């Protein structure tokens, strides 16, 4: 599947929090994924993604398919490739159900 962002969504990376989350992740701190590092705005609603969600979101460009995104996530976070594919697909399907992306 090839995900593409909903063009109605306005988003921004919260750079300072993003850097803090990456520092925590590099130091193996358990709470690195509790930080909202990317803000999405759609139809008056505001949502935040954690570091993993933000890294996936920034790769959703209509060009990369789910396998390519998963491969990048596995390398970036040092995860097992097979488990990463399943996790990325579940995340993409979840945000697709919210209307944030389309899957083709």
Protein backbone atom coordinates (compact mmCIF):
# COMPACT_ATOMS: atom_id res chain seq x y z
CA UNK A 1 0.00 0.00 0.00
CA UNK A 2 1.15 3.51 -0.81
CA UNK A 3 -0.02 6.09 1.76
CA UNK A 4 -0.66 9.72 0.89
CA UNK A 5 -1.40 12.58 3.32
CA UNK A 6 -4.77 14.30 3.37
CA UNK A 7 -3.99 17.70 1.78
CA UNK A 8 -6.44 19.40 4.19
CA UNK A 9 -4.16 18.64 7.14
CA UNK A 10 -1.84 21.35 8.36
CA UNK A 11 1.08 20.01 10.35
CA UNK A 12 4.28 21.09 11.99
CA UNK A 13 7.19 19.38 13.65
CA UNK A 14 7.77 20.67 17.18
CA UNK A 15 11.55 20.87 16.73
CA UNK A 16 12.60 21.37 20.36
CA UNK A 17 10.40 18.55 21.65
CA UNK A 18 11.46 16.38 18.70
CA UNK A 19 15.12 16.87 19.60
CA UNK A 20 14.38 16.11 23.26
CA UNK A 21 12.52 12.93 22.30
CA UNK A 22 15.42 11.76 20.13
CA UNK A 23 17.86 12.46 22.96
CA UNK A 24 15.70 10.38 25.31
CA UNK A 25 15.45 7.59 22.71
CA UNK A 26 19.23 7.54 22.24
CA UNK A 27 19.64 7.27 26.01
CA UNK A 28 17.14 4.38 26.17
CA UNK A 29 14.76 6.37 28.34
CA UNK A 30 11.36 4.72 28.48
CA UNK A 31 9.33 7.91 28.20
CA UNK A 32 10.69 9.06 24.83
CA UNK A 33 7.47 8.01 23.14
CA UNK A 34 5.27 10.03 25.52
CA UNK A 35 6.20 13.35 23.95
CA UNK A 36 4.03 14.92 21.25
CA UNK A 37 6.58 15.97 18.65
CA UNK A 38 4.37 16.59 15.61
CA UNK A 39 1.12 18.55 15.63
CA UNK A 40 -1.65 17.87 13.11
CA UNK A 41 -4.54 20.28 12.59
CA UNK A 42 -7.69 19.25 10.72
CA UNK A 43 -11.18 20.76 10.81
CA UNK A 44 -10.57 22.58 14.08
CA UNK A 45 -9.10 19.50 15.76
CA UNK A 46 -5.53 19.34 17.00
CA UNK A 47 -3.73 16.02 17.36
CA UNK A 48 -0.17 15.13 18.27
CA UNK A 49 2.06 12.27 17.21
CA UNK A 50 4.92 10.89 19.23
CA UNK A 51 8.42 10.38 17.84
CA UNK A 52 7.67 7.11 16.07
CA UNK A 53 4.43 8.45 14.61
CA UNK A 54 6.20 11.61 13.49
CA UNK A 55 8.96 9.66 11.76
CA UNK A 56 6.36 7.62 9.91
CA UNK A 57 4.27 10.72 9.07
CA UNK A 58 7.20 12.57 7.54
CA UNK A 59 7.78 9.62 5.20
CA UNK A 60 4.17 9.49 3.99
CA UNK A 61 4.64 11.24 0.66
CA UNK A 62 2.61 9.25 -1.84
CA UNK A 63 5.85 7.85 -3.26
CA UNK A 64 7.03 5.40 -0.59
CA UNK A 65 4.99 2.29 0.06
CA UNK A 66 4.43 0.80 3.51
CA UNK A 67 7.32 -1.65 3.10
CA UNK A 68 9.78 1.14 2.30
CA UNK A 69 8.59 3.19 5.27
CA UNK A 70 8.87 0.13 7.52
CA UNK A 71 12.40 -0.58 6.29
CA UNK A 72 13.41 2.99 7.15
CA UNK A 73 11.80 2.72 10.60
CA UNK A 74 13.54 -0.60 11.31
CA UNK A 75 16.90 0.91 10.45
CA UNK A 76 16.24 4.18 12.26
CA UNK A 77 15.11 2.57 15.53
CA UNK A 78 17.04 -0.71 15.32
CA UNK A 79 13.88 -2.83 15.23
CA UNK A 80 13.27 -6.26 13.74
CA UNK A 81 12.16 -5.76 10.10
CA UNK A 82 9.25 -8.24 10.18
CA UNK A 83 7.73 -6.76 13.34
CA UNK A 84 8.25 -3.25 12.03
CA UNK A 85 6.25 -3.96 8.86
CA UNK A 86 3.29 -5.08 10.96
CA UNK A 87 3.54 -2.09 13.31
CA UNK A 88 3.84 0.44 10.47
CA UNK A 89 0.88 -1.08 8.64
CA UNK A 90 -1.24 -0.96 11.80
CA UNK A 91 -0.28 2.69 12.36
CA UNK A 92 -1.06 3.62 8.75
CA UNK A 93 -4.40 1.83 8.85
CA UNK A 94 -5.23 3.62 12.10
CA UNK A 95 -4.53 7.09 10.77
CA UNK A 96 -6.27 6.22 7.51
CA UNK A 97 -9.42 5.40 9.51
CA UNK A 98 -9.23 8.94 10.94
CA UNK A 99 -9.04 10.40 7.44
CA UNK A 100 -5.50 11.72 7.87
CA UNK A 101 -4.14 9.68 4.95
CA UNK A 102 -5.40 7.59 2.08
CA UNK A 103 -4.04 4.17 1.21
CA UNK A 104 -3.78 2.98 -2.36
